[in-house]
Amino acid sequence: MSRGRRYEAESKLNMKKVMAVVIAILVIIMFVVGIKKLLSSDSSVNDKLFAVGYYTIYENGKWGVIDTNQKVILEPTYEEMIIIPDNTKPIFICTSNVNYETNTFETKVFNEKKQELYKDYNKVEVIYNNDKSNNLWYEANILKVQKDGKYGLINLEGKQILDCTYDDIKPILGTKNVVITVKQGKQGLADNIGNVIIENSYNEITSITNKYEDGFIVKAENGKYGVISASKETILETKYDEIKNVYGNNCYVVKENGKQKVVDSKGNTYLEEGFEQVKQINSNNVVIKKASKYGVSTLSGETKIEAIYDDLTFAFTDTYIAKKGNKYGIITIRNEEKIPFNYEYIEYVSQADFIRAQKENAETDLYSRDFNLKASGIISEINTQKNYIRIRVGEDYKYYNFKLEQKESSEILTGTLFLSKKDGKYGYINNKGIVVVDYIYDDATEQNKYGYAAVKKDGKWGAIDQKGKMIVEPKYELENNLVIDFIGEYHLSEDINANYYTK
């Protein structure tokens, strides 16, 4: 019994030691696992962080298609550039047998499995459009198709949304989501889901502004102009000699019997004299040109700002961007100077609600709408999808949200790698601040939405992947490229409007 008691006593004592040892081991294991997770950033990469897209490539004088996982979808064997209407969808328009003298060509459309799509049509095309700055785009989610010599529209799923009964379909330059249809020499209008807004009965149709919601100027067979809304309502009858591309407060600038004036949708007339030109209408105020200078009047003719400025543009509330001589500043409707006339150019970025003021040295000052200076530097990106601004200050990049609050890149961006700088060199850290790519590069870009980042060394560019692995050794001189970007081994071409990648 005594032996048994001694055994029990020793057992209890050993159990305490064992438990202490077990706890210590667990703590060590947890510590090691935690450190391992921190250090092994490549093993925790989540592929779902990165979008999958499709891009045209150009190699050895031929065109093909890759996806953003570097898989070649169509081998670069095509003579003509392959058009991808939407980079998120595997739809590839291939053109052949082009005759530039007769302006004829043939098209075939393939998916990622190289299966032919839309075979019921003789021809399939995107509809090109561009704005005043010559930024190019394709009309969203629609394709122009030809059958038996007539044109119609389908969506990207292949559903016909406008019958093939038209002689032509073309864009309204600078305006998205609507197209002009042509039938027997007369123009009409349809939207990008196939609704007919205006029947084919006009000689000409243009948009009042770059927003289709603001309506359309139509020219009748008698040469007179009117206005039709996006909801198909006749706003102004076709009785005017001219209608300017100016709209605000349900008012329009027209010319009738050789006289320019402002009219509203109810037929009321304003400002029949005292100006050479109406530039803008906002609420009850009108920016007018008089004796080659700009000022502001009310619709009833009361002068708010004397016509003493070389240019004047409404910004927000009662605030105007003004030009005096060769310099820009900001004034209020009471002619109070809020930002001095020190700038080469000023614009109000309405999507982000801040003021961007360009200086002589290409640097920009950013002001909040209460006119407080928040940041200065060279703007490299204003991202209205993720609501951030990227500014180069000296040799460093800084990030701001649209409240103009400075943030770390890891607070603004999503991904696995974040650009970092140390001792004049660039590298990459993960979202925990741990260095993944050492500080060895002379310049670099943030990771793009597909997981790739561009790095520069000794004057040449290369690329790394989402884990920081080198996939292209720095070998490209891309000094003529406005944007440096890589998808795998391919870099973006010099012409960013063309939107293709090459080696």
Protein backbone atom coordinates (compact mmCIF):
# COMPACT_ATOMS: atom_id res chain seq x y z
CA MET A 1 0.00 0.00 0.00
CA SER A 2 2.83 2.36 0.90
CA ARG A 3 4.38 1.66 -2.47
CA GLY A 4 1.08 2.33 -4.07
CA ARG A 5 0.72 5.62 -2.19
CA ARG A 6 4.24 6.64 -3.10
CA TYR A 7 3.45 5.82 -6.76
CA GLU A 8 0.25 7.95 -6.61
CA ALA A 9 2.12 10.87 -5.11
CA GLU A 10 4.82 10.71 -7.73
CA SER A 11 2.18 10.40 -10.46
CA LYS A 12 0.44 13.57 -9.34
CA LEU A 13 3.74 15.42 -9.21
CA ASN A 14 4.68 14.18 -12.71
CA MET A 15 1.32 15.21 -14.15
CA LYS A 16 1.89 18.80 -13.07
CA LYS A 17 5.27 18.73 -14.77
CA VAL A 18 3.80 17.11 -17.85
CA MET A 19 1.03 19.71 -18.12
CA ALA A 20 3.55 22.52 -17.76
CA VAL A 21 5.72 21.00 -20.47
CA VAL A 22 2.69 20.46 -22.75
CA ILE A 23 1.57 24.07 -22.33
CA ALA A 24 5.10 25.29 -23.04
CA ILE A 25 5.27 23.15 -26.18
CA LEU A 26 1.88 24.44 -27.37
CA VAL A 27 3.02 28.02 -26.87
CA ILE A 28 6.18 27.32 -28.85
CA ILE A 29 4.18 25.64 -31.64
CA MET A 30 1.74 28.55 -31.83
CA PHE A 31 4.66 31.00 -31.95
CA VAL A 32 6.41 29.04 -34.70
CA VAL A 33 3.17 28.72 -36.74
CA GLY A 34 2.54 32.45 -36.38
CA ILE A 35 6.05 33.33 -37.52
CA LYS A 36 5.76 30.88 -40.40
CA LYS A 37 2.52 32.50 -41.56
CA LEU A 38 4.13 35.92 -41.42
CA LEU A 39 7.22 34.88 -43.33
CA SER A 40 5.71 32.56 -45.91
CA SER A 41 3.68 35.15 -47.76
CA ASP A 42 3.88 33.17 -50.99
CA SER A 43 2.05 30.22 -49.50
CA SER A 44 -0.87 32.38 -48.41
CA VAL A 45 -1.52 34.04 -51.75
CA ASN A 46 -5.21 33.97 -52.53
CA ASP A 47 -5.73 33.70 -56.26
CA LYS A 48 -9.28 35.03 -55.82
CA LEU A 49 -7.76 38.43 -55.04
CA PHE A 50 -6.89 38.82 -58.70
CA ALA A 51 -9.23 39.25 -61.63
CA VAL A 52 -9.01 37.05 -64.71
CA GLY A 53 -9.05 38.89 -68.00
CA TYR A 54 -8.21 38.54 -71.68
CA TYR A 55 -5.89 40.71 -73.79
CA THR A 56 -4.68 40.99 -77.34
CA ILE A 57 -0.98 40.25 -77.87
CA TYR A 58 1.35 41.18 -80.72
CA GLU A 59 4.33 38.97 -81.42
CA ASN A 60 6.53 38.64 -84.49
CA GLY A 61 4.14 40.73 -86.56
CA LYS A 62 1.10 38.61 -85.69
CA TRP A 63 -1.85 38.94 -83.32
CA GLY A 64 -3.17 36.54 -80.69
CA VAL A 65 -4.88 36.43 -77.27
CA ILE A 66 -3.69 35.55 -73.76
CA ASP A 67 -5.44 35.42 -70.43
CA THR A 68 -4.00 37.00 -67.31
CA ASN A 69 -2.76 33.66 -66.06
CA GLN A 70 -0.32 33.78 -69.03
CA LYS A 71 -2.22 31.09 -70.93
CA VAL A 72 -2.21 31.58 -74.70
CA ILE A 73 -5.84 31.40 -75.82
CA LEU A 74 -5.34 32.17 -79.52
CA GLU A 75 -1.86 31.71 -80.95
CA PRO A 76 -0.37 34.88 -82.50
CA THR A 77 -1.06 33.87 -86.12
CA TYR A 78 -3.56 36.52 -87.22
CA GLU A 79 -2.69 39.30 -89.68
CA GLU A 80 -5.15 41.84 -88.21
CA MET A 81 -5.47 43.00 -84.63
CA ILE A 82 -7.92 40.89 -82.60
CA ILE A 83 -10.61 42.95 -80.86
CA ILE A 84 -11.80 42.02 -77.36
CA PRO A 85 -15.01 43.97 -76.60
CA ASP A 86 -14.87 43.31 -72.84
CA ASN A 87 -11.64 42.14 -71.20
CA THR A 88 -13.58 40.20 -68.56
CA LYS A 89 -15.35 38.02 -71.17
CA PRO A 90 -13.81 35.47 -73.58
CA ILE A 91 -15.09 37.00 -76.81
CA PHE A 92 -12.49 37.56 -79.53
CA ILE A 93 -13.30 39.20 -82.88
CA CYS A 94 -10.87 38.12 -85.60
CA THR A 95 -10.74 40.04 -88.90
CA SER A 96 -9.49 38.70 -92.23
CA ASN A 97 -9.52 39.37 -95.99
CA VAL A 98 -9.31 43.13 -95.55
CA ASN A 99 -9.54 45.25 -98.70
CA TYR A 100 -8.76 48.86 -97.84
CA GLU A 101 -9.76 50.14 -101.30
CA THR A 102 -13.31 48.77 -101.09
CA ASN A 103 -13.46 48.93 -97.27
CA THR A 104 -14.53 45.29 -97.08
CA PHE A 105 -13.49 42.60 -94.63
CA GLU A 106 -14.64 39.40 -92.97
CA THR A 107 -14.95 38.56 -89.28
CA LYS A 108 -15.18 35.48 -87.09
CA VAL A 109 -15.71 35.44 -83.33
CA PHE A 110 -14.24 32.81 -80.99
CA ASN A 111 -14.42 32.02 -77.27
CA GLU A 112 -11.69 30.68 -74.97
CA LYS A 113 -12.35 27.14 -76.26
CA LYS A 114 -11.82 28.34 -79.84
CA GLN A 115 -15.49 27.72 -80.58
CA GLU A 116 -17.01 30.07 -83.14
CA LEU A 117 -19.72 32.41 -81.80
CA TYR A 118 -22.54 34.37 -83.48
CA LYS A 119 -22.41 32.26 -86.63
CA ASP A 120 -25.83 33.50 -87.80
CA TYR A 121 -24.31 36.82 -88.85
CA ASN A 122 -22.17 37.72 -91.85
CA LYS A 123 -20.13 40.24 -89.89
CA VAL A 124 -19.60 41.21 -86.23
CA GLU A 125 -17.99 44.48 -85.08
CA VAL A 126 -17.48 46.59 -82.00
CA ILE A 127 -18.72 50.19 -82.07
CA TYR A 128 -15.82 52.58 -81.51
CA ASN A 129 -16.32 55.86 -79.67
CA ASN A 130 -14.09 58.62 -78.30
CA ASP A 131 -14.31 61.85 -76.32
CA LYS A 132 -12.84 65.31 -76.96
CA SER A 133 -9.51 64.19 -75.45
CA ASN A 134 -9.43 61.31 -77.95
CA ASN A 135 -9.83 58.66 -75.25
CA LEU A 136 -11.08 55.59 -77.10
CA TRP A 137 -13.61 53.01 -75.94
CA TYR A 138 -16.01 50.38 -77.29
CA GLU A 139 -19.72 50.78 -76.63
CA ALA A 140 -20.48 48.60 -73.60
CA ASN A 141 -22.15 45.19 -73.90
CA ILE A 142 -23.25 45.56 -77.54
CA LEU A 143 -21.96 44.41 -80.91
CA LYS A 144 -22.90 45.64 -84.36
CA VAL A 145 -23.90 42.71 -86.57
CA GLN A 146 -24.64 42.42 -90.27
CA LYS A 147 -27.02 40.02 -91.92
CA ASP A 148 -28.10 40.09 -95.57
CA GLY A 149 -26.57 43.53 -95.99
CA LYS A 150 -28.43 45.12 -93.05
CA TYR A 151 -27.24 45.97 -89.55
CA GLY A 152 -28.57 45.32 -86.06
CA LEU A 153 -27.33 44.90 -82.47
CA ILE A 154 -26.70 41.93 -80.21
CA ASN A 155 -25.49 41.87 -76.63
CA LEU A 156 -22.36 39.97 -75.61
CA GLU A 157 -24.47 36.95 -74.68
CA GLY A 158 -25.52 36.75 -78.32
CA LYS A 159 -29.13 37.91 -77.84
CA GLN A 160 -30.41 40.11 -80.67
CA ILE A 161 -31.59 43.41 -79.19
CA LEU A 162 -32.08 45.38 -82.41
CA ASP A 163 -33.23 43.71 -85.63
CA CYS A 164 -30.98 43.75 -88.70
CA THR A 165 -33.05 46.30 -90.60
CA TYR A 166 -30.69 49.32 -90.66
CA ASP A 167 -28.34 50.62 -93.33
CA ASP A 168 -25.79 51.55 -90.68
CA ILE A 169 -25.31 51.91 -86.91
CA LYS A 170 -22.76 54.33 -85.50
CA PRO A 171 -21.89 56.12 -82.24
CA ILE A 172 -22.75 59.58 -81.03
CA LEU A 173 -19.23 60.83 -80.46
CA GLY A 174 -18.41 61.37 -76.80
CA THR A 175 -21.69 59.94 -75.49
CA LYS A 176 -21.99 56.45 -74.04
CA ASN A 177 -24.89 53.98 -74.05
CA VAL A 178 -26.67 55.25 -77.18
CA VAL A 179 -26.13 54.74 -80.92
CA ILE A 180 -27.36 56.40 -84.10
CA THR A 181 -29.28 54.18 -86.50
CA VAL A 182 -29.52 54.99 -90.22
CA LYS A 183 -32.37 53.89 -92.46
CA GLN A 184 -33.03 55.25 -95.96
CA GLY A 185 -30.83 58.25 -95.26
CA LYS A 186 -32.65 59.22 -92.06
CA GLN A 187 -31.19 59.02 -88.57
CA GLY A 188 -32.75 57.58 -85.43
CA LEU A 189 -31.51 56.69 -81.98
CA ALA A 190 -31.42 53.54 -79.84
CA ASP A 191 -29.90 52.74 -76.46
CA ASN A 192 -27.55 49.89 -75.65
CA ILE A 193 -30.33 47.55 -74.55
CA GLY A 194 -32.21 47.94 -77.82
CA ASN A 195 -34.85 50.53 -76.93
CA VAL A 196 -35.68 52.85 -79.83
CA ILE A 197 -35.55 56.42 -78.47
CA ILE A 198 -35.99 58.31 -81.74
CA GLU A 199 -37.44 56.89 -84.95
CA ASN A 200 -35.55 57.26 -88.22
CA SER A 201 -36.99 60.59 -89.33
CA TYR A 202 -34.21 63.18 -88.87
CA ASN A 203 -31.34 64.44 -91.01
CA GLU A 204 -29.00 64.69 -88.04
CA ILE A 205 -28.88 63.80 -84.33
CA THR A 206 -26.33 64.99 -81.78
CA SER A 207 -26.23 64.89 -77.99
CA ILE A 208 -26.62 68.12 -76.05
CA THR A 209 -23.90 67.13 -73.58
CA ASN A 210 -21.83 63.97 -73.09
CA LYS A 211 -24.66 62.61 -70.89
CA TYR A 212 -27.46 61.02 -72.88
CA GLU A 213 -29.86 61.81 -70.02
CA ASP A 214 -29.62 65.50 -70.98
CA GLY A 215 -31.30 64.85 -74.31
CA PHE A 216 -30.57 65.19 -78.02
CA ILE A 217 -30.58 67.90 -80.65
CA VAL A 218 -32.39 66.80 -83.82
CA LYS A 219 -32.33 68.43 -87.24
CA ALA A 220 -35.46 68.04 -89.36
CA GLU A 221 -35.71 67.86 -93.12
CA ASN A 222 -36.56 71.58 -93.24
CA GLY A 223 -33.17 72.37 -91.69
CA LYS A 224 -34.64 73.44 -88.34
CA TYR A 225 -33.55 72.13 -84.94
CA GLY A 226 -35.40 70.81 -81.88
CA VAL A 227 -34.75 68.76 -78.72
CA ILE A 228 -35.93 65.26 -77.80
CA SER A 229 -35.36 63.81 -74.31
CA ALA A 230 -33.93 60.39 -73.52
CA SER A 231 -37.46 59.39 -72.49
CA LYS A 232 -38.68 60.10 -76.08
CA GLU A 233 -40.46 63.34 -75.19
CA THR A 234 -40.32 66.31 -77.56
CA ILE A 235 -38.87 69.16 -75.47
CA LEU A 236 -38.40 71.78 -78.17
CA GLU A 237 -40.13 71.71 -81.53
CA THR A 238 -37.97 71.71 -84.67
CA LYS A 239 -38.33 75.43 -85.34
CA TYR A 240 -34.96 76.89 -84.35
CA ASP A 241 -32.11 77.95 -86.63
CA GLU A 242 -29.55 76.54 -84.17
CA ILE A 243 -29.37 74.90 -80.75
CA LYS A 244 -26.11 75.09 -78.81
CA ASN A 245 -24.61 72.23 -76.82
CA VAL A 246 -25.47 73.96 -73.53
CA TYR A 247 -27.99 72.69 -71.01
CA GLY A 248 -28.96 73.37 -67.41
CA ASN A 249 -32.00 74.00 -65.23
CA ASN A 250 -34.23 72.66 -68.06
CA CYS A 251 -33.00 75.54 -70.24
CA TYR A 252 -31.45 75.56 -73.71
CA VAL A 253 -29.52 78.07 -75.78
CA VAL A 254 -31.18 78.57 -79.17
CA LYS A 255 -31.00 80.90 -82.16
CA GLU A 256 -34.23 82.01 -83.78
CA ASN A 257 -34.58 84.63 -86.53
CA GLY A 258 -30.85 85.33 -86.20
CA LYS A 259 -31.13 86.09 -82.48
CA GLN A 260 -29.59 83.99 -79.69
CA LYS A 261 -31.58 83.46 -76.47
CA VAL A 262 -32.28 81.05 -73.63
CA VAL A 263 -35.56 79.12 -73.57
CA ASP A 264 -36.93 76.50 -71.21
CA SER A 265 -38.96 73.36 -71.87
CA LYS A 266 -42.22 75.26 -71.24
CA GLY A 267 -41.52 77.85 -73.91
CA ASN A 268 -40.45 80.68 -71.60
CA THR A 269 -37.73 82.97 -72.94
CA TYR A 270 -34.77 84.45 -71.01
CA LEU A 271 -31.70 86.56 -71.80
CA GLU A 272 -32.52 87.80 -75.26
CA GLU A 273 -29.77 90.42 -75.22
CA GLY A 274 -26.63 91.62 -73.44
CA PHE A 275 -24.29 88.77 -74.39
CA GLU A 276 -22.34 87.26 -77.26
CA GLN A 277 -22.43 83.68 -76.09
CA VAL A 278 -23.84 81.52 -73.30
CA LYS A 279 -21.21 79.05 -72.07
CA GLN A 280 -22.96 77.36 -69.12
CA ILE A 281 -26.26 77.29 -67.27
CA ASN A 282 -26.35 76.19 -63.65
CA SER A 283 -29.45 76.74 -61.57
CA ASN A 284 -30.50 80.37 -62.09
CA ASN A 285 -27.01 81.54 -63.07
CA VAL A 286 -25.54 81.73 -66.56
CA VAL A 287 -21.90 82.08 -67.62
CA ILE A 288 -21.93 84.55 -70.50
CA LYS A 289 -19.37 85.99 -72.89
CA LYS A 290 -19.52 89.75 -73.49
CA ALA A 291 -16.95 91.85 -75.35
CA SER A 292 -14.68 88.78 -75.45
CA LYS A 293 -14.70 88.49 -71.64
CA TYR A 294 -16.64 86.18 -69.33
CA GLY A 295 -18.94 86.89 -66.41
CA VAL A 296 -22.09 85.58 -64.73
CA SER A 297 -25.67 86.77 -65.10
CA THR A 298 -28.96 85.44 -63.77
CA LEU A 299 -31.60 84.17 -66.20
CA SER A 300 -33.49 87.40 -65.55
CA GLY A 301 -30.46 89.48 -66.63
CA GLU A 302 -29.03 90.58 -63.26
CA THR A 303 -25.22 90.77 -63.31
CA LYS A 304 -23.59 88.60 -60.64
CA ILE A 305 -19.97 88.70 -61.84
CA GLU A 306 -18.81 91.40 -64.22
CA ALA A 307 -17.53 90.15 -67.58
CA ILE A 308 -13.86 90.81 -66.85
CA TYR A 309 -12.34 87.31 -67.00
CA ASP A 310 -10.61 85.58 -69.91
CA ASP A 311 -12.45 82.37 -69.08
CA LEU A 312 -15.00 81.29 -66.48
CA THR A 313 -16.31 77.80 -65.65
CA PHE A 314 -18.80 76.75 -63.01
CA ALA A 315 -17.27 74.36 -60.45
CA PHE A 316 -19.74 73.68 -57.61
CA THR A 317 -22.33 75.50 -55.47
CA ASP A 318 -21.54 79.22 -56.02
CA THR A 319 -17.91 78.67 -57.03
CA TYR A 320 -16.24 79.36 -60.40
CA ILE A 321 -12.87 78.57 -61.95
CA ALA A 322 -11.66 81.87 -63.44
CA LYS A 323 -8.85 82.80 -65.81
CA LYS A 324 -7.13 86.17 -65.59
CA GLY A 325 -4.44 86.72 -68.18
CA ASN A 326 -2.65 83.37 -68.40
CA LYS A 327 -3.35 82.22 -64.86
CA TYR A 328 -6.25 80.45 -63.18
CA GLY A 329 -7.79 80.89 -59.75
CA ILE A 330 -11.13 80.29 -58.04
CA ILE A 331 -13.75 82.88 -57.14
CA THR A 332 -17.26 82.82 -55.69
CA ILE A 333 -20.45 84.29 -57.12
CA ARG A 334 -19.71 87.30 -54.89
CA ASN A 335 -16.36 87.67 -56.71
CA GLU A 336 -14.39 86.63 -53.62
CA GLU A 337 -11.01 85.09 -54.44
CA LYS A 338 -10.72 81.66 -52.80
CA ILE A 339 -7.68 80.27 -54.61
CA PRO A 340 -5.14 82.79 -55.96
CA PHE A 341 -4.46 83.23 -59.69
CA ASN A 342 -1.19 81.30 -59.60
CA TYR A 343 -2.00 78.23 -61.67
CA GLU A 344 -1.60 77.04 -65.25
CA TYR A 345 -4.91 75.20 -65.10
CA ILE A 346 -7.58 74.31 -62.54
CA GLU A 347 -10.34 71.72 -62.64
CA TYR A 348 -12.94 70.52 -60.19
CA VAL A 349 -12.93 66.70 -60.10
CA SER A 350 -16.60 66.11 -59.46
CA GLN A 351 -16.35 62.31 -59.04
CA ALA A 352 -13.93 62.82 -56.17
CA ASP A 353 -15.13 66.25 -54.93
CA PHE A 354 -11.77 68.04 -54.84
CA ILE A 355 -9.96 70.77 -56.76
CA ARG A 356 -6.92 70.00 -58.89
CA ALA A 357 -4.65 72.99 -59.59
CA GLN A 358 -1.76 72.58 -62.05
CA LYS A 359 1.48 74.50 -61.45
CA GLU A 360 4.20 75.53 -63.92
CA ASN A 361 6.54 72.70 -62.95
CA ALA A 362 3.93 70.00 -63.76
CA GLU A 363 3.20 69.56 -60.07
CA THR A 364 -0.36 69.75 -58.80
CA ASP A 365 -1.91 71.20 -55.66
CA LEU A 366 -4.97 69.42 -54.34
CA TYR A 367 -7.57 71.46 -52.47
CA SER A 368 -10.63 70.30 -50.59
CA ARG A 369 -13.90 71.96 -51.55
CA ASP A 370 -13.47 74.30 -48.58
CA PHE A 371 -10.26 75.52 -50.29
CA ASN A 372 -7.74 74.02 -47.88
CA LEU A 373 -4.50 72.83 -49.51
CA LYS A 374 -4.20 69.13 -48.71
CA ALA A 375 -1.45 67.73 -50.92
CA SER A 376 1.11 68.64 -53.60
CA GLY A 377 3.02 66.58 -56.11
CA ILE A 378 2.75 64.94 -59.53
CA ILE A 379 -0.49 63.00 -59.85
CA SER A 380 0.08 59.58 -61.37
CA GLU A 381 -3.42 58.16 -60.86
CA ILE A 382 -6.94 59.16 -59.84
CA ASN A 383 -8.87 55.93 -59.35
CA THR A 384 -12.62 56.57 -59.23
CA GLN A 385 -13.41 52.87 -58.76
CA LYS A 386 -11.43 52.45 -55.56
CA ASN A 387 -11.55 56.14 -54.59
CA TYR A 388 -7.89 56.97 -54.20
CA ILE A 389 -5.26 59.32 -55.60
CA ARG A 390 -1.62 58.40 -56.15
CA ILE A 391 0.87 61.28 -56.07
CA ARG A 392 4.59 61.32 -56.68
CA VAL A 393 6.32 63.63 -54.22
CA GLY A 394 10.00 63.88 -55.09
CA GLU A 395 11.05 60.27 -55.56
CA ASP A 396 8.29 58.84 -53.34
CA TYR A 397 4.68 57.88 -53.93
CA LYS A 398 1.92 58.88 -51.54
CA TYR A 399 -1.70 57.78 -51.39
CA TYR A 400 -4.79 59.76 -50.48
CA ASN A 401 -8.45 58.89 -50.25
CA PHE A 402 -11.04 61.20 -51.77
CA LYS A 403 -11.27 63.09 -48.48
CA LEU A 404 -7.61 63.94 -49.21
CA GLU A 405 -6.46 62.02 -46.14
CA GLN A 406 -3.04 60.42 -46.56
CA LYS A 407 -3.07 56.63 -46.29
CA GLU A 408 -0.62 53.75 -46.52
CA SER A 409 -0.80 51.84 -49.80
CA SER A 410 -1.90 48.72 -47.89
CA GLU A 411 -4.90 50.69 -46.58
CA ILE A 412 -5.91 51.78 -50.07
CA LEU A 413 -5.01 48.88 -52.35
CA THR A 414 -5.85 45.19 -52.35
CA GLY A 415 -3.36 42.50 -53.29
CA THR A 416 -0.39 40.60 -51.95
CA LEU A 417 2.47 43.04 -52.56
CA PHE A 418 2.77 46.74 -51.78
CA LEU A 419 5.43 49.08 -53.12
CA SER A 420 7.91 50.28 -50.53
CA LYS A 421 11.04 52.44 -50.60
CA LYS A 422 14.19 52.36 -48.50
CA ASP A 423 17.52 54.12 -48.98
CA GLY A 424 16.50 55.31 -52.44
CA LYS A 425 15.58 51.83 -53.71
CA TYR A 426 12.22 50.11 -54.24
CA GLY A 427 11.02 46.78 -52.97
CA TYR A 428 7.75 45.18 -51.89
CA ILE A 429 6.19 44.32 -48.55
CA ASN A 430 3.12 42.25 -47.70
CA ASN A 431 0.10 43.55 -45.82
CA LYS A 432 1.85 42.80 -42.53
CA GLY A 433 4.80 45.01 -43.41
CA ILE A 434 7.24 42.15 -43.99
CA VAL A 435 9.69 42.56 -46.88
CA VAL A 436 8.89 40.08 -49.67
CA VAL A 437 10.99 41.63 -52.46
CA ASP A 438 14.24 43.25 -51.38
CA TYR A 439 15.03 46.94 -51.95
CA ILE A 440 17.10 46.59 -55.12
CA TYR A 441 15.10 48.42 -57.83
CA ASP A 442 15.52 51.96 -59.19
CA ASP A 443 11.80 52.29 -59.90
CA ALA A 444 8.72 50.12 -59.70
CA THR A 445 4.94 50.11 -60.00
CA GLU A 446 2.23 48.91 -57.68
CA GLN A 447 0.80 45.47 -58.30
CA ASN A 448 -1.90 45.58 -61.01
CA LYS A 449 -5.30 43.92 -60.66
CA TYR A 450 -3.94 40.72 -62.17
CA GLY A 451 -1.14 40.37 -59.62
CA TYR A 452 1.81 41.62 -61.70
CA ALA A 453 4.14 44.51 -60.89
CA ALA A 454 6.79 46.18 -63.05
CA VAL A 455 10.31 46.75 -61.70
CA LYS A 456 13.16 48.84 -63.14
CA LYS A 457 16.88 48.25 -62.76
CA ASP A 458 19.79 49.82 -64.64
CA GLY A 459 17.37 51.66 -66.95
CA LYS A 460 15.38 48.60 -67.99
CA TRP A 461 12.00 47.18 -66.98
CA GLY A 462 10.95 43.68 -66.01
CA ALA A 463 8.14 42.12 -64.01
CA ILE A 464 7.38 40.06 -60.89
CA ASP A 465 4.31 37.99 -60.08
CA GLN A 466 1.93 38.05 -57.12
CA LYS A 467 4.41 36.13 -54.94
CA GLY A 468 7.32 38.41 -55.78
CA LYS A 469 8.87 35.89 -58.14
CA MET A 470 10.78 37.33 -61.10
CA ILE A 471 9.01 36.42 -64.35
CA VAL A 472 10.76 38.89 -66.68
CA GLU A 473 14.30 39.99 -65.93
CA PRO A 474 14.69 43.77 -66.48
CA LYS A 475 15.41 43.97 -70.21
CA TYR A 476 12.88 46.39 -71.77
CA GLU A 477 13.56 50.07 -72.40
CA LEU A 478 10.06 51.56 -72.16
CA GLU A 479 10.84 55.26 -72.09
CA ASN A 480 8.16 56.03 -74.69
CA ASN A 481 5.42 54.22 -72.77
CA LEU A 482 3.01 56.48 -70.92
CA VAL A 483 1.97 53.53 -68.73
CA ILE A 484 4.24 50.69 -67.63
CA ASP A 485 2.25 47.50 -67.15
CA PHE A 486 2.86 43.76 -67.52
CA ILE A 487 0.79 40.62 -67.92
CA GLY A 488 3.24 37.80 -67.46
CA GLU A 489 6.01 38.20 -70.02
CA TYR A 490 4.07 40.76 -72.06
CA HIS A 491 4.18 44.53 -71.53
CA LEU A 492 1.61 47.15 -72.51
CA SER A 493 2.20 48.82 -75.88
CA GLU A 494 3.15 52.48 -76.28
CA ASP A 495 -0.33 53.35 -77.56
CA ILE A 496 -2.46 52.78 -74.47
CA ASN A 497 -5.63 53.39 -76.52
CA ALA A 498 -4.76 50.32 -78.60
CA ASN A 499 -4.79 48.28 -75.39
CA TYR A 500 -2.61 45.35 -76.45
CA TYR A 501 0.49 43.70 -74.97
CA THR A 502 3.70 42.67 -76.64
CA LYS A 503 7.15 41.25 -75.89
